[in-house]
Amino acid sequence: MAEWLYEAGIGESRAALVEDGRILEAAIELDDAGPRVGAVLRARLADRGPPAIVMLDGGSEAMLVRLPPGLSQGAALLVTVTREAIPEPGRAKRTKAEPASSDAAPAAGPDLLARIAATGAAVRRLRAHEADALEAAGWSELLDEALTGEIAFAGGALRMTPTPAMTLFDVDGPTPPTPLALAAAPAVAEAIRRHGIGGSIGIDFPTVAGREPRQAVAAALDAALPPPFERTAVNGFGFLQIVRPRPRASLPELLRVDPMGAEARAALRRLERVPPGAPRRHRLPAAVLARIAAQPDWLADLARRTGATPDLESD
């Protein structure tokens, strides 16, 4: 039976839905992630647009997807967050919001722990002194997939590339096109679920000749990818497009926009698990050490959790 493994880490919370020792779904929520989906916040209309922009309590901006009639610039209103900010190189996609219902009151949106509890699956909270259940299920390999985009499957490999327009999967392998595409379809579906990928997704399968084989490839994808989603057929060039809900950033988007931050938080996770009595001196890459040093609250949290201040030095 599948269960969620949850860890309240330093700088982030993390969770993975694990079944038979494999990660089916995973998520990371940064401590400074900003407004969450479902939050009801006070705001002021900053620009009627289009698009209309509101200034949220706390100073961040959100795009208002539906402008109430007669609302003047500078007017106060309550909004409900419908999409979290999506990090991208250069400029992040703004938070999206809509006017809140008339009976709504300001409230924070559900955090990662609340969201996984709401799925109905069992939740196991992990502690640093316990055996590392996340790592045993493949947590480091998952992070590596997200950062590199390289995903192997029986008979071939996927290359996953997030772009501002869509996340692309390229299928490659030595086997003939039809069996390669049939093997790749569930592998892509599993990767989409595992990494929390939403929005537009493009899959470049090998060119499959014939309508029935192309339909079989699409059916294999349908069988492995949980709804809701919409898709096109596999066209004559082997391309298929999927559209899924996108309430927040995928793991690749989250980690790739700040890879040094991701490495620093992963290092803190390892340091937190160092057993009592072990040497407290640790060597880290200079860039990772600098990133940790720039967040004194991270080091303070590490010292509080471990009962000692680690002696960190650069390689």
Protein backbone atom coordinates (compact mmCIF):
# COMPACT_ATOMS: atom_id res chain seq x y z
CA MET A 1 0.00 0.00 0.00
CA ALA A 2 1.28 3.45 -0.89
CA GLU A 3 2.19 5.88 1.88
CA TRP A 4 3.50 9.41 2.00
CA LEU A 5 6.91 9.95 3.55
CA TYR A 6 7.16 13.50 4.89
CA GLU A 7 10.14 15.43 6.20
CA ALA A 8 10.17 18.94 7.63
CA GLY A 9 13.67 19.82 6.53
CA ILE A 10 15.89 22.87 6.83
CA GLY A 11 14.82 25.45 4.26
CA GLU A 12 12.23 23.13 2.75
CA SER A 13 9.66 20.46 3.42
CA ARG A 14 9.70 17.36 1.25
CA ALA A 15 7.36 14.47 0.62
CA ALA A 16 7.23 11.35 -1.53
CA LEU A 17 4.42 8.90 -2.16
CA VAL A 18 6.13 5.51 -2.01
CA GLU A 19 4.81 2.09 -2.99
CA ASP A 20 6.85 -1.12 -3.10
CA GLY A 21 10.01 0.90 -2.47
CA ARG A 22 9.47 3.25 -5.45
CA ILE A 23 8.61 6.94 -5.52
CA LEU A 24 5.33 7.52 -7.36
CA GLU A 25 4.95 11.23 -6.60
CA ALA A 26 7.20 13.77 -4.94
CA ALA A 27 7.08 17.39 -3.88
CA ILE A 28 9.30 20.00 -2.28
CA GLU A 29 7.94 23.15 -0.64
CA LEU A 30 10.44 25.91 0.10
CA ASP A 31 10.08 27.79 3.37
CA ASP A 32 10.02 31.09 1.44
CA ALA A 33 7.82 29.88 -1.39
CA GLY A 34 5.28 32.71 -1.11
CA PRO A 35 1.48 32.52 -1.27
CA ARG A 36 0.11 28.99 -1.63
CA VAL A 37 -2.83 27.77 -3.70
CA GLY A 38 -6.05 28.26 -1.74
CA ALA A 39 -4.77 31.20 0.30
CA VAL A 40 -7.28 34.05 0.76
CA LEU A 41 -5.36 37.31 0.95
CA ARG A 42 -6.01 41.02 1.21
CA ALA A 43 -4.95 42.86 -1.93
CA ARG A 44 -5.17 46.17 -3.75
CA LEU A 45 -5.72 46.62 -7.45
CA ALA A 46 -2.41 48.00 -8.77
CA ASP A 47 -3.18 47.98 -12.51
CA ARG A 48 -6.44 47.35 -14.34
CA GLY A 49 -4.43 45.88 -17.23
CA PRO A 50 -4.97 43.77 -19.11
CA PRO A 51 -3.76 41.74 -17.38
CA ALA A 52 -5.07 43.12 -14.12
CA ILE A 53 -2.41 43.13 -11.39
CA VAL A 54 -3.01 43.19 -7.65
CA MET A 55 -0.54 43.86 -4.87
CA LEU A 56 -0.88 41.23 -2.17
CA ASP A 57 -0.34 41.69 1.55
CA GLY A 58 3.35 41.02 2.00
CA GLY A 59 4.38 42.94 -1.11
CA SER A 60 4.22 40.37 -3.90
CA GLU A 61 2.18 40.78 -7.07
CA ALA A 62 -0.46 38.52 -8.55
CA MET A 63 -2.28 38.45 -11.86
CA LEU A 64 -6.02 38.76 -11.36
CA VAL A 65 -7.74 36.43 -13.81
CA ARG A 66 -11.17 38.03 -13.43
CA LEU A 67 -11.57 41.76 -12.81
CA PRO A 68 -14.74 42.63 -10.85
CA PRO A 69 -16.85 45.21 -12.70
CA GLY A 70 -16.40 48.76 -11.50
CA LEU A 71 -13.32 48.05 -9.38
CA SER A 72 -11.14 51.14 -9.48
CA GLN A 73 -7.36 51.23 -9.33
CA GLY A 74 -6.14 51.23 -5.72
CA ALA A 75 -9.32 49.58 -4.43
CA ALA A 76 -9.03 46.89 -1.75
CA LEU A 77 -10.34 43.37 -2.26
CA LEU A 78 -9.90 39.80 -1.09
CA VAL A 79 -8.43 37.32 -3.56
CA THR A 80 -7.97 33.56 -3.63
CA VAL A 81 -4.67 32.21 -5.00
CA THR A 82 -5.28 29.76 -7.85
CA ARG A 83 -1.67 29.27 -9.00
CA GLU A 84 1.57 29.79 -7.15
CA ALA A 85 4.42 31.73 -8.71
CA ILE A 86 6.35 29.61 -11.24
CA PRO A 87 10.12 30.22 -11.17
CA GLU A 88 11.77 30.68 -14.55
CA PRO A 89 15.13 32.00 -15.70
CA GLY A 90 14.92 35.75 -16.04
CA ARG A 91 11.44 36.48 -14.73
CA ALA A 92 9.10 34.23 -12.78
CA LYS A 93 5.50 33.71 -13.82
CA ARG A 94 3.38 35.71 -11.40
CA THR A 95 1.06 34.18 -8.86
CA LYS A 96 -2.49 33.92 -10.23
CA ALA A 97 -5.54 34.86 -8.19
CA GLU A 98 -9.25 35.45 -8.54
CA PRO A 99 -11.67 37.54 -6.48
CA ALA A 100 -12.59 35.64 -3.32
CA SER A 101 -16.18 34.68 -2.57
CA SER A 102 -18.23 37.13 -0.53
CA ASP A 103 -18.13 34.96 2.61
CA ALA A 104 -14.36 34.32 2.50
CA ALA A 105 -11.97 35.41 5.24
CA PRO A 106 -8.17 35.83 5.04
CA ALA A 107 -6.42 32.47 5.48
CA ALA A 108 -3.19 30.78 4.47
CA GLY A 109 -3.45 28.07 1.84
CA PRO A 110 -2.79 24.45 2.81
CA ASP A 111 0.88 23.60 3.15
CA LEU A 112 2.56 20.47 1.80
CA LEU A 113 1.73 18.37 4.87
CA ALA A 114 -1.94 19.36 4.71
CA ARG A 115 -2.11 18.63 0.97
CA ILE A 116 -0.68 15.13 1.24
CA ALA A 117 -2.89 14.36 4.25
CA ALA A 118 -5.91 15.38 2.16
CA THR A 119 -5.14 12.67 -0.43
CA GLY A 120 -6.32 10.00 2.01
CA ALA A 121 -3.09 7.99 1.86
CA ALA A 122 -1.22 7.29 5.08
CA VAL A 123 1.42 9.87 6.05
CA ARG A 124 4.59 8.88 7.90
CA ARG A 125 6.64 11.74 9.36
CA LEU A 126 10.35 11.00 9.19
CA ARG A 127 12.96 11.95 11.78
CA ALA A 128 16.66 12.50 11.20
CA HIS A 129 17.71 9.86 13.75
CA GLU A 130 15.74 7.14 11.93
CA ALA A 131 16.79 5.03 8.96
CA ASP A 132 16.60 7.16 5.81
CA ALA A 133 13.41 5.89 4.20
CA LEU A 134 13.38 8.63 1.57
CA GLU A 135 16.87 7.79 0.39
CA ALA A 136 16.03 4.08 0.35
CA ALA A 137 13.16 4.85 -2.04
CA GLY A 138 15.45 6.80 -4.41
CA TRP A 139 15.31 10.43 -3.24
CA SER A 140 18.80 11.35 -4.49
CA GLU A 141 18.11 9.71 -7.85
CA LEU A 142 14.86 11.70 -8.09
CA LEU A 143 16.70 14.99 -7.49
CA ASP A 144 19.30 13.99 -10.07
CA GLU A 145 16.55 13.31 -12.62
CA ALA A 146 15.03 16.73 -11.94
CA LEU A 147 18.34 18.56 -12.30
CA THR A 148 19.77 16.69 -15.31
CA GLY A 149 16.61 15.61 -17.11
CA GLU A 150 18.14 12.19 -17.83
CA ILE A 151 15.69 9.35 -17.15
CA ALA A 152 16.40 5.74 -18.10
CA PHE A 153 13.76 3.11 -18.78
CA ALA A 154 13.90 -0.46 -20.06
CA GLY A 155 14.92 -0.22 -23.71
CA GLY A 156 15.70 3.48 -23.90
CA ALA A 157 16.06 6.86 -22.24
CA LEU A 158 14.14 10.12 -21.82
CA ARG A 159 15.51 13.63 -21.80
CA MET A 160 13.25 16.00 -19.86
CA THR A 161 13.60 19.72 -20.59
CA PRO A 162 11.42 22.38 -18.94
CA THR A 163 10.94 25.54 -21.02
CA PRO A 164 8.76 28.63 -20.40
CA ALA A 165 6.23 27.31 -22.93
CA MET A 166 6.12 23.61 -22.05
CA THR A 167 8.05 20.70 -20.60
CA LEU A 168 9.51 18.54 -23.37
CA PHE A 169 10.34 14.84 -23.31
CA ASP A 170 12.59 13.42 -26.01
CA VAL A 171 12.57 9.64 -26.44
CA ASP A 172 15.70 7.84 -27.57
CA GLY A 173 16.86 4.22 -27.68
CA PRO A 174 18.27 1.43 -29.82
CA THR A 175 15.07 -0.58 -30.25
CA PRO A 176 12.74 -0.24 -33.29
CA PRO A 177 10.39 2.76 -33.26
CA THR A 178 7.09 1.08 -32.33
CA PRO A 179 8.28 -1.01 -29.36
CA LEU A 180 10.44 1.92 -28.23
CA ALA A 181 7.46 4.28 -28.25
CA LEU A 182 5.26 1.72 -26.47
CA ALA A 183 7.87 1.30 -23.73
CA ALA A 184 8.46 5.04 -23.46
CA ALA A 185 4.79 6.01 -23.03
CA PRO A 186 4.38 4.67 -19.45
CA ALA A 187 7.89 5.86 -18.57
CA VAL A 188 6.93 9.42 -19.57
CA ALA A 189 3.63 9.16 -17.67
CA GLU A 190 5.44 7.99 -14.54
CA ALA A 191 7.99 10.81 -14.83
CA ILE A 192 5.22 13.41 -15.22
CA ARG A 193 3.55 12.16 -12.06
CA ARG A 194 6.80 11.69 -10.14
CA HIS A 195 8.00 15.23 -10.80
CA GLY A 196 4.63 16.99 -10.51
CA ILE A 197 4.72 18.35 -14.05
CA GLY A 198 1.71 20.38 -15.18
CA GLY A 199 0.78 22.81 -17.93
CA SER A 200 1.71 22.00 -21.52
CA ILE A 201 3.85 18.89 -22.02
CA GLY A 202 5.29 17.78 -25.35
CA ILE A 203 6.50 14.24 -26.05
CA ASP A 204 8.69 13.54 -29.07
CA PHE A 205 8.26 9.82 -29.67
CA PRO A 206 10.11 8.06 -32.47
CA THR A 207 8.17 8.21 -35.74
CA VAL A 208 5.65 5.36 -35.63
CA ALA A 209 4.18 4.25 -38.95
CA GLY A 210 0.47 3.47 -39.06
CA ARG A 211 -2.60 4.74 -37.26
CA GLU A 212 -3.16 1.71 -35.04
CA PRO A 213 0.39 1.64 -33.59
CA ARG A 214 0.14 5.37 -32.87
CA GLN A 215 -3.20 4.82 -31.11
CA ALA A 216 -1.60 2.03 -29.06
CA VAL A 217 1.13 4.40 -27.92
CA ALA A 218 -1.46 6.98 -26.84
CA ALA A 219 -3.48 4.28 -25.05
CA ALA A 220 -0.36 3.17 -23.14
CA LEU A 221 0.10 6.74 -21.97
CA ASP A 222 -3.56 7.05 -20.95
CA ALA A 223 -3.33 3.86 -18.88
CA ALA A 224 -0.32 5.11 -16.89
CA LEU A 225 -1.10 8.82 -16.37
CA PRO A 226 -3.67 9.69 -13.67
CA PRO A 227 -6.35 12.21 -14.69
CA PRO A 228 -7.14 15.00 -15.14
CA PHE A 229 -5.41 15.75 -18.41
CA GLU A 230 -6.14 16.35 -22.06
CA ARG A 231 -3.99 15.23 -24.96
CA THR A 232 -3.69 15.22 -28.70
CA ALA A 233 -3.20 12.13 -30.82
CA VAL A 234 0.32 11.02 -31.77
CA ASN A 235 0.88 12.75 -35.11
CA GLY A 236 2.75 11.34 -38.07
CA PHE A 237 6.03 12.78 -36.78
CA GLY A 238 5.66 11.09 -33.40
CA PHE A 239 4.69 14.20 -31.41
CA LEU A 240 1.97 14.22 -28.73
CA GLN A 241 0.95 17.11 -26.49
CA ILE A 242 -0.61 16.89 -23.03
CA VAL A 243 -2.20 19.64 -20.93
CA ARG A 244 -2.49 19.13 -17.16
CA PRO A 245 -3.41 21.45 -14.29
CA ARG A 246 -0.44 23.53 -13.14
CA PRO A 247 -1.08 24.84 -9.63
CA ARG A 248 2.62 25.16 -8.75
CA ALA A 249 6.13 24.59 -10.06
CA SER A 250 7.34 21.12 -10.96
CA LEU A 251 10.42 19.68 -9.28
CA PRO A 252 12.62 20.39 -12.35
CA GLU A 253 11.44 24.01 -12.46
CA LEU A 254 11.93 24.46 -8.73
CA LEU A 255 15.41 22.95 -8.57
CA ARG A 256 16.85 24.25 -11.83
CA VAL A 257 16.09 27.90 -11.13
CA ASP A 258 18.34 27.72 -8.04
CA PRO A 259 20.54 24.61 -8.32
CA MET A 260 23.01 25.88 -5.72
CA GLY A 261 20.18 26.36 -3.25
CA ALA A 262 19.01 22.82 -3.98
CA GLU A 263 22.53 21.49 -3.36
CA ALA A 264 22.82 23.47 -0.14
CA ARG A 265 19.53 22.15 1.26
CA ALA A 266 20.52 18.60 0.27
CA ALA A 267 23.83 19.07 2.12
CA LEU A 268 21.99 20.29 5.21
CA ARG A 269 19.82 17.19 5.05
CA ARG A 270 22.92 15.00 5.10
CA LEU A 271 24.49 17.02 7.93
CA GLU A 272 21.34 16.72 10.02
CA ARG A 273 21.57 12.93 9.75
CA VAL A 274 25.18 12.69 10.99
CA PRO A 275 24.95 10.47 14.12
CA PRO A 276 25.86 11.84 17.57
CA GLY A 277 29.52 11.41 18.40
CA ALA A 278 30.65 11.55 14.76
CA PRO A 279 33.22 14.20 13.76
CA ARG A 280 31.60 17.63 13.43
CA ARG A 281 34.04 18.89 10.79
CA HIS A 282 32.70 18.62 7.25
CA ARG A 283 34.04 19.74 3.88
CA LEU A 284 31.64 21.18 1.32
CA PRO A 285 32.11 22.69 -2.13
CA ALA A 286 32.92 26.37 -1.77
CA ALA A 287 29.78 27.51 -3.62
CA VAL A 288 27.55 25.31 -1.45
CA LEU A 289 29.22 26.56 1.72
CA ALA A 290 28.76 30.16 0.59
CA ARG A 291 25.07 29.53 -0.11
CA ILE A 292 24.58 28.06 3.37
CA ALA A 293 26.53 30.89 5.00
CA ALA A 294 24.23 33.38 3.28
CA GLN A 295 21.31 31.87 5.22
CA PRO A 296 22.27 32.14 8.93
CA ASP A 297 18.84 30.83 9.94
CA TRP A 298 19.68 27.54 8.19
CA LEU A 299 22.82 27.08 10.29
CA ALA A 300 20.96 28.07 13.45
CA ASP A 301 18.27 25.51 12.67
CA LEU A 302 20.92 22.84 12.02
CA ALA A 303 22.58 23.56 15.36
CA ARG A 304 19.23 23.42 17.16
CA ARG A 305 18.31 20.10 15.58
CA THR A 306 21.67 18.41 16.12
CA GLY A 307 22.62 20.00 19.44
CA ALA A 308 25.96 21.21 18.09
CA THR A 309 27.31 23.77 15.66
CA PRO A 310 29.05 21.97 12.78
CA ASP A 311 32.52 22.98 11.69
CA LEU A 312 32.16 23.57 7.94
CA GLU A 313 35.03 24.27 5.58
CA SER A 314 35.32 24.48 1.82
CA ASP A 315 36.97 21.93 -0.43
